[in-house]
Amino acid sequence: MTETEAALRTLAHNVRAARTRAGLSLDELGRRAKVSKGALVALEKAQGNPNFATLVRLADTLGASVSALMEGRPEERVRVVSAATVMPLWKGERGSEARLMLTTSGPAATEIWRWTLEPGEEYPSHPHQAGVVETVNVTVGQMVLVVNGTDHPVGAGQTATFDADAPHTYRGSGTETCHLIMTVHLPPGPA
């Protein structure tokens, strides 16, 4: 079995388990997450190929983190993750990408992401559930964080945080690739 097949099986199992715990039918989960029933059926059979936005909508609707839907059971107290072993969940047309490195455990989990943004390329995100807070720390280059239509330039050595229940966009700016670490702080709830 390939890594992709194993990841799809884990995702299928975790989505089905989270949906069952939440007491949602496929129809109801689809309605709430704005995902077609057919796509959900395929996903739960490990036959789908969901995009990043679909995973975020499902996670928000199920009260889980994206990585909780994608990860197997934690085996040890210390996890060391190499970026080279993590598949990008989003790739832009100009080469930008986002990798979900890991999610902390506990009642209020935090997702740790590594992003690269090429100049002029952007990723628009829909508003998340109430209580989600995102923090971006730019390590190289420049970006523009757009929250509720307002631009906020963030450069190397700077960190920005915001309530992510508003529309927001990450845009590469300047002349070089922007590298950033993003954390997504999730409100306490079922994982």
C-alpha atoms as a PDB file:
ATOM      1  CA  MET A   1       0.000   0.000   0.000  1.00  0.00           C
ATOM      2  CA  THR A   2       1.377   3.430  -0.948  1.00  0.00           C
ATOM      3  CA  GLU A   3       1.665   6.335   1.505  1.00  0.00           C
ATOM      4  CA  THR A   4      -1.182   8.093  -0.295  1.00  0.00           C
ATOM      5  CA  GLU A   5      -3.459   5.050   0.022  1.00  0.00           C
ATOM      6  CA  ALA A   6      -2.601   4.721   3.716  1.00  0.00           C
ATOM      7  CA  ALA A   7      -3.273   8.425   4.288  1.00  0.00           C
ATOM      8  CA  LEU A   8      -6.654   8.167   2.510  1.00  0.00           C
ATOM      9  CA  ARG A   9      -7.623   5.135   4.622  1.00  0.00           C
ATOM     10  CA  THR A  10      -6.693   6.964   7.827  1.00  0.00           C
ATOM     11  CA  LEU A  11      -8.626  10.048   6.704  1.00  0.00           C
ATOM     12  CA  ALA A  12     -11.654   7.915   5.766  1.00  0.00           C
ATOM     13  CA  HIS A  13     -11.642   6.176   9.149  1.00  0.00           C
ATOM     14  CA  ASN A  14     -11.215   9.409  11.102  1.00  0.00           C
ATOM     15  CA  VAL A  15     -13.947  11.305   9.219  1.00  0.00           C
ATOM     16  CA  ARG A  16     -16.388   8.410   9.638  1.00  0.00           C
ATOM     17  CA  ALA A  17     -15.540   8.109  13.369  1.00  0.00           C
ATOM     18  CA  ALA A  18     -15.871  11.878  13.971  1.00  0.00           C
ATOM     19  CA  ARG A  19     -19.164  11.970  12.039  1.00  0.00           C
ATOM     20  CA  THR A  20     -20.502   9.042  14.072  1.00  0.00           C
ATOM     21  CA  ARG A  21     -19.402  10.645  17.379  1.00  0.00           C
ATOM     22  CA  ALA A  22     -21.167  13.843  16.337  1.00  0.00           C
ATOM     23  CA  GLY A  23     -24.330  11.869  15.487  1.00  0.00           C
ATOM     24  CA  LEU A  24     -24.446  13.240  11.937  1.00  0.00           C
ATOM     25  CA  SER A  25     -25.725  11.483   8.850  1.00  0.00           C
ATOM     26  CA  LEU A  26     -23.821  11.862   5.594  1.00  0.00           C
ATOM     27  CA  ASP A  27     -26.566  14.195   4.380  1.00  0.00           C
ATOM     28  CA  GLU A  28     -26.378  16.405   7.474  1.00  0.00           C
ATOM     29  CA  LEU A  29     -22.566  16.566   7.495  1.00  0.00           C
ATOM     30  CA  GLY A  30     -22.632  17.431   3.803  1.00  0.00           C
ATOM     31  CA  ARG A  31     -25.202  20.178   4.335  1.00  0.00           C
ATOM     32  CA  ARG A  32     -23.337  21.729   7.273  1.00  0.00           C
ATOM     33  CA  ALA A  33     -19.884  21.481   5.667  1.00  0.00           C
ATOM     34  CA  LYS A  34     -21.128  22.383   2.172  1.00  0.00           C
ATOM     35  CA  VAL A  35     -19.690  19.163   0.726  1.00  0.00           C
ATOM     36  CA  SER A  36     -21.686  16.907  -1.588  1.00  0.00           C
ATOM     37  CA  LYS A  37     -22.939  13.592  -0.232  1.00  0.00           C
ATOM     38  CA  GLY A  38     -21.203  11.823  -3.123  1.00  0.00           C
ATOM     39  CA  ALA A  39     -17.863  13.351  -2.163  1.00  0.00           C
ATOM     40  CA  LEU A  40     -18.397  12.280   1.463  1.00  0.00           C
ATOM     41  CA  VAL A  41     -19.319   8.723   0.468  1.00  0.00           C
ATOM     42  CA  ALA A  42     -16.166   8.493  -1.673  1.00  0.00           C
ATOM     43  CA  LEU A  43     -14.050  10.006   1.103  1.00  0.00           C
ATOM     44  CA  GLU A  44     -15.355   7.548   3.703  1.00  0.00           C
ATOM     45  CA  LYS A  45     -14.548   4.698   1.303  1.00  0.00           C
ATOM     46  CA  ALA A  46     -10.984   6.066   0.917  1.00  0.00           C
ATOM     47  CA  GLN A  47     -11.691   6.733  -2.743  1.00  0.00           C
ATOM     48  CA  GLY A  48     -11.943  10.494  -2.624  1.00  0.00           C
ATOM     49  CA  ASN A  49      -9.292  13.107  -3.172  1.00  0.00           C
ATOM     50  CA  PRO A  50     -10.502  16.033  -1.042  1.00  0.00           C
ATOM     51  CA  ASN A  51      -8.922  19.430  -1.499  1.00  0.00           C
ATOM     52  CA  PHE A  52      -7.598  21.531   1.359  1.00  0.00           C
ATOM     53  CA  ALA A  53     -10.705  23.737   1.609  1.00  0.00           C
ATOM     54  CA  THR A  54     -12.929  20.642   1.902  1.00  0.00           C
ATOM     55  CA  LEU A  55     -10.764  19.243   4.711  1.00  0.00           C
ATOM     56  CA  VAL A  56     -10.954  22.552   6.596  1.00  0.00           C
ATOM     57  CA  ARG A  57     -14.756  22.724   6.225  1.00  0.00           C
ATOM     58  CA  LEU A  58     -15.133  19.117   7.420  1.00  0.00           C
ATOM     59  CA  ALA A  59     -12.814  19.691  10.382  1.00  0.00           C
ATOM     60  CA  ASP A  60     -14.642  22.873  11.389  1.00  0.00           C
ATOM     61  CA  THR A  61     -18.028  21.164  11.095  1.00  0.00           C
ATOM     62  CA  LEU A  62     -16.897  18.120  13.082  1.00  0.00           C
ATOM     63  CA  GLY A  63     -15.190  20.219  15.781  1.00  0.00           C
ATOM     64  CA  ALA A  64     -11.829  18.641  14.968  1.00  0.00           C
ATOM     65  CA  SER A  65      -8.491  19.773  13.622  1.00  0.00           C
ATOM     66  CA  VAL A  66      -7.441  18.975  10.066  1.00  0.00           C
ATOM     67  CA  SER A  67      -4.585  16.865  11.367  1.00  0.00           C
ATOM     68  CA  ALA A  68      -6.894  14.981  13.754  1.00  0.00           C
ATOM     69  CA  LEU A  69      -8.700  13.844  10.624  1.00  0.00           C
ATOM     70  CA  MET A  70      -5.435  12.872   8.947  1.00  0.00           C
ATOM     71  CA  GLU A  71      -3.257  11.385  11.694  1.00  0.00           C
ATOM     72  CA  GLY A  72      -3.191   7.905  13.116  1.00  0.00           C
ATOM     73  CA  ARG A  73      -2.980   7.325  16.833  1.00  0.00           C
ATOM     74  CA  PRO A  74      -0.086   9.035  18.629  1.00  0.00           C
ATOM     75  CA  GLU A  75       2.421   6.368  19.568  1.00  0.00           C
ATOM     76  CA  GLU A  76       4.853   8.307  21.734  1.00  0.00           C
ATOM     77  CA  ARG A  77       5.111  11.362  23.985  1.00  0.00           C
ATOM     78  CA  VAL A  78       7.625  13.045  21.678  1.00  0.00           C
ATOM     79  CA  ARG A  79       6.953  13.383  17.971  1.00  0.00           C
ATOM     80  CA  VAL A  80       9.595  14.681  15.602  1.00  0.00           C
ATOM     81  CA  VAL A  81       8.297  15.445  12.124  1.00  0.00           C
ATOM     82  CA  SER A  82      10.399  16.260   9.082  1.00  0.00           C
ATOM     83  CA  ALA A  83       8.894  18.569   6.457  1.00  0.00           C
ATOM     84  CA  ALA A  84      10.207  16.223   3.776  1.00  0.00           C
ATOM     85  CA  THR A  85       7.885  13.462   5.031  1.00  0.00           C
ATOM     86  CA  VAL A  86       4.734  15.612   5.106  1.00  0.00           C
ATOM     87  CA  MET A  87       2.721  15.972   1.916  1.00  0.00           C
ATOM     88  CA  PRO A  88       1.576  19.522   1.098  1.00  0.00           C
ATOM     89  CA  LEU A  89      -2.154  20.011   1.657  1.00  0.00           C
ATOM     90  CA  TRP A  90      -2.180  22.986  -0.682  1.00  0.00           C
ATOM     91  CA  LYS A  91      -0.012  23.843  -3.677  1.00  0.00           C
ATOM     92  CA  GLY A  92      -0.321  27.089  -5.587  1.00  0.00           C
ATOM     93  CA  GLU A  93       0.158  27.500  -9.310  1.00  0.00           C
ATOM     94  CA  ARG A  94       3.406  29.451  -8.757  1.00  0.00           C
ATOM     95  CA  GLY A  95       4.927  26.911  -6.343  1.00  0.00           C
ATOM     96  CA  SER A  96       3.570  28.078  -2.976  1.00  0.00           C
ATOM     97  CA  GLU A  97       2.560  25.346  -0.562  1.00  0.00           C
ATOM     98  CA  ALA A  98       1.220  24.605   2.915  1.00  0.00           C
ATOM     99  CA  ARG A  99       2.204  21.590   5.006  1.00  0.00           C
ATOM    100  CA  LEU A 100       0.434  20.615   8.213  1.00  0.00           C
ATOM    101  CA  MET A 101       3.369  19.452  10.330  1.00  0.00           C
ATOM    102  CA  LEU A 102       1.482  18.263  13.396  1.00  0.00           C
ATOM    103  CA  THR A 103      -1.271  18.991  15.871  1.00  0.00           C
ATOM    104  CA  THR A 104      -0.778  19.087  19.601  1.00  0.00           C
ATOM    105  CA  SER A 105      -3.032  16.890  21.697  1.00  0.00           C
ATOM    106  CA  GLY A 106      -5.306  17.959  24.507  1.00  0.00           C
ATOM    107  CA  PRO A 107      -8.659  19.679  24.805  1.00  0.00           C
ATOM    108  CA  ALA A 108      -7.478  22.851  22.982  1.00  0.00           C
ATOM    109  CA  ALA A 109      -5.265  21.584  20.174  1.00  0.00           C
ATOM    110  CA  THR A 110      -2.865  23.687  18.112  1.00  0.00           C
ATOM    111  CA  GLU A 111      -1.977  22.948  14.492  1.00  0.00           C
ATOM    112  CA  ILE A 112       1.570  23.772  13.353  1.00  0.00           C
ATOM    113  CA  TRP A 113       1.928  24.612   9.645  1.00  0.00           C
ATOM    114  CA  ARG A 114       4.879  25.419   7.354  1.00  0.00           C
ATOM    115  CA  TRP A 115       4.018  27.663   4.425  1.00  0.00           C
ATOM    116  CA  THR A 116       5.891  29.056   1.460  1.00  0.00           C
ATOM    117  CA  LEU A 117       4.303  31.871  -0.522  1.00  0.00           C
ATOM    118  CA  GLU A 118       5.687  32.975  -3.855  1.00  0.00           C
ATOM    119  CA  PRO A 119       5.487  36.719  -4.655  1.00  0.00           C
ATOM    120  CA  GLY A 120       1.989  37.603  -5.810  1.00  0.00           C
ATOM    121  CA  GLU A 121       0.494  34.189  -5.030  1.00  0.00           C
ATOM    122  CA  GLU A 122      -2.255  33.979  -2.447  1.00  0.00           C
ATOM    123  CA  TYR A 123      -4.435  31.553  -0.562  1.00  0.00           C
ATOM    124  CA  PRO A 124      -7.902  32.824   0.434  1.00  0.00           C
ATOM    125  CA  SER A 125      -9.407  31.074   3.459  1.00  0.00           C
ATOM    126  CA  HIS A 126     -13.011  30.982   4.517  1.00  0.00           C
ATOM    127  CA  PRO A 127     -13.846  32.025   8.089  1.00  0.00           C
ATOM    128  CA  HIS A 128     -13.250  29.274  10.656  1.00  0.00           C
ATOM    129  CA  GLN A 129     -15.444  28.419  13.613  1.00  0.00           C
ATOM    130  CA  ALA A 130     -15.689  30.960  16.430  1.00  0.00           C
ATOM    131  CA  GLY A 131     -12.759  30.769  18.833  1.00  0.00           C
ATOM    132  CA  VAL A 132     -10.104  29.771  16.272  1.00  0.00           C
ATOM    133  CA  VAL A 133      -7.046  32.032  16.486  1.00  0.00           C
ATOM    134  CA  GLU A 134      -4.256  31.977  13.896  1.00  0.00           C
ATOM    135  CA  THR A 135      -0.712  33.231  14.320  1.00  0.00           C
ATOM    136  CA  VAL A 136       1.766  33.706  11.471  1.00  0.00           C
ATOM    137  CA  ASN A 137       5.504  34.118  12.014  1.00  0.00           C
ATOM    138  CA  VAL A 138       7.449  35.130   8.909  1.00  0.00           C
ATOM    139  CA  THR A 139      10.994  33.733   8.952  1.00  0.00           C
ATOM    140  CA  VAL A 140      12.097  34.778   5.439  1.00  0.00           C
ATOM    141  CA  GLY A 141      10.624  37.270   2.994  1.00  0.00           C
ATOM    142  CA  GLN A 142       7.406  39.238   3.147  1.00  0.00           C
ATOM    143  CA  MET A 143       3.695  38.572   3.025  1.00  0.00           C
ATOM    144  CA  VAL A 144       0.438  40.433   3.272  1.00  0.00           C
ATOM    145  CA  LEU A 145      -2.151  39.080   5.685  1.00  0.00           C
ATOM    146  CA  VAL A 146      -5.619  40.221   4.631  1.00  0.00           C
ATOM    147  CA  VAL A 147      -8.269  39.996   7.358  1.00  0.00           C
ATOM    148  CA  ASN A 148     -11.792  41.206   6.650  1.00  0.00           C
ATOM    149  CA  GLY A 149     -10.525  43.069   3.573  1.00  0.00           C
ATOM    150  CA  THR A 150      -7.754  44.979   5.386  1.00  0.00           C
ATOM    151  CA  ASP A 151      -4.094  44.429   4.362  1.00  0.00           C
ATOM    152  CA  HIS A 152      -1.504  43.836   7.076  1.00  0.00           C
ATOM    153  CA  PRO A 153       2.112  43.606   5.785  1.00  0.00           C
ATOM    154  CA  VAL A 154       4.205  41.091   7.763  1.00  0.00           C
ATOM    155  CA  GLY A 155       7.947  40.756   7.126  1.00  0.00           C
ATOM    156  CA  ALA A 156      10.792  38.533   8.242  1.00  0.00           C
ATOM    157  CA  GLY A 157      11.117  38.569  12.027  1.00  0.00           C
ATOM    158  CA  GLN A 158       7.514  39.696  12.528  1.00  0.00           C
ATOM    159  CA  THR A 159       4.551  37.787  13.950  1.00  0.00           C
ATOM    160  CA  ALA A 160       0.844  38.549  13.537  1.00  0.00           C
ATOM    161  CA  THR A 161      -2.178  36.997  15.238  1.00  0.00           C
ATOM    162  CA  PHE A 162      -5.897  37.320  14.540  1.00  0.00           C
ATOM    163  CA  ASP A 163      -9.309  35.800  15.213  1.00  0.00           C
ATOM    164  CA  ALA A 164      -9.813  33.491  12.232  1.00  0.00           C
ATOM    165  CA  ASP A 165     -13.607  33.581  12.226  1.00  0.00           C
ATOM    166  CA  ALA A 166     -13.401  36.294   9.547  1.00  0.00           C
ATOM    167  CA  PRO A 167     -12.441  35.904   5.865  1.00  0.00           C
ATOM    168  CA  HIS A 168      -8.646  35.969   5.530  1.00  0.00           C
ATOM    169  CA  THR A 169      -6.012  35.598   2.837  1.00  0.00           C
ATOM    170  CA  TYR A 170      -2.266  34.946   2.854  1.00  0.00           C
ATOM    171  CA  ARG A 171      -0.392  36.635  -0.027  1.00  0.00           C
ATOM    172  CA  GLY A 172       3.291  36.494  -0.873  1.00  0.00           C
ATOM    173  CA  SER A 173       4.832  39.924  -1.469  1.00  0.00           C
ATOM    174  CA  GLY A 174       8.263  41.382  -2.134  1.00  0.00           C
ATOM    175  CA  THR A 175      10.718  39.711  -4.499  1.00  0.00           C
ATOM    176  CA  GLU A 176      11.621  36.451  -2.728  1.00  0.00           C
ATOM    177  CA  THR A 177       9.779  33.387  -1.482  1.00  0.00           C
ATOM    178  CA  CYS A 178       8.137  34.025   1.884  1.00  0.00           C
ATOM    179  CA  HIS A 179       8.594  31.288   4.495  1.00  0.00           C
ATOM    180  CA  LEU A 180       6.334  31.277   7.512  1.00  0.00           C
ATOM    181  CA  ILE A 181       5.214  29.164  10.408  1.00  0.00           C
ATOM    182  CA  MET A 182       1.496  29.318  11.117  1.00  0.00           C
ATOM    183  CA  THR A 183      -0.206  28.067  14.230  1.00  0.00           C
ATOM    184  CA  VAL A 184      -3.935  27.486  14.392  1.00  0.00           C
ATOM    185  CA  HIS A 185      -5.202  27.535  17.973  1.00  0.00           C
ATOM    186  CA  LEU A 186      -8.444  25.581  18.169  1.00  0.00           C
ATOM    187  CA  PRO A 187     -11.046  26.133  20.865  1.00  0.00           C
ATOM    188  CA  PRO A 188     -11.582  23.342  23.398  1.00  0.00           C
ATOM    189  CA  GLY A 189     -13.934  20.695  22.133  1.00  0.00           C
ATOM    190  CA  PRO A 190     -14.160  17.174  20.747  1.00  0.00           C
ATOM    191  CA  ALA A 191     -11.239  16.077  18.604  1.00  0.00           C
END
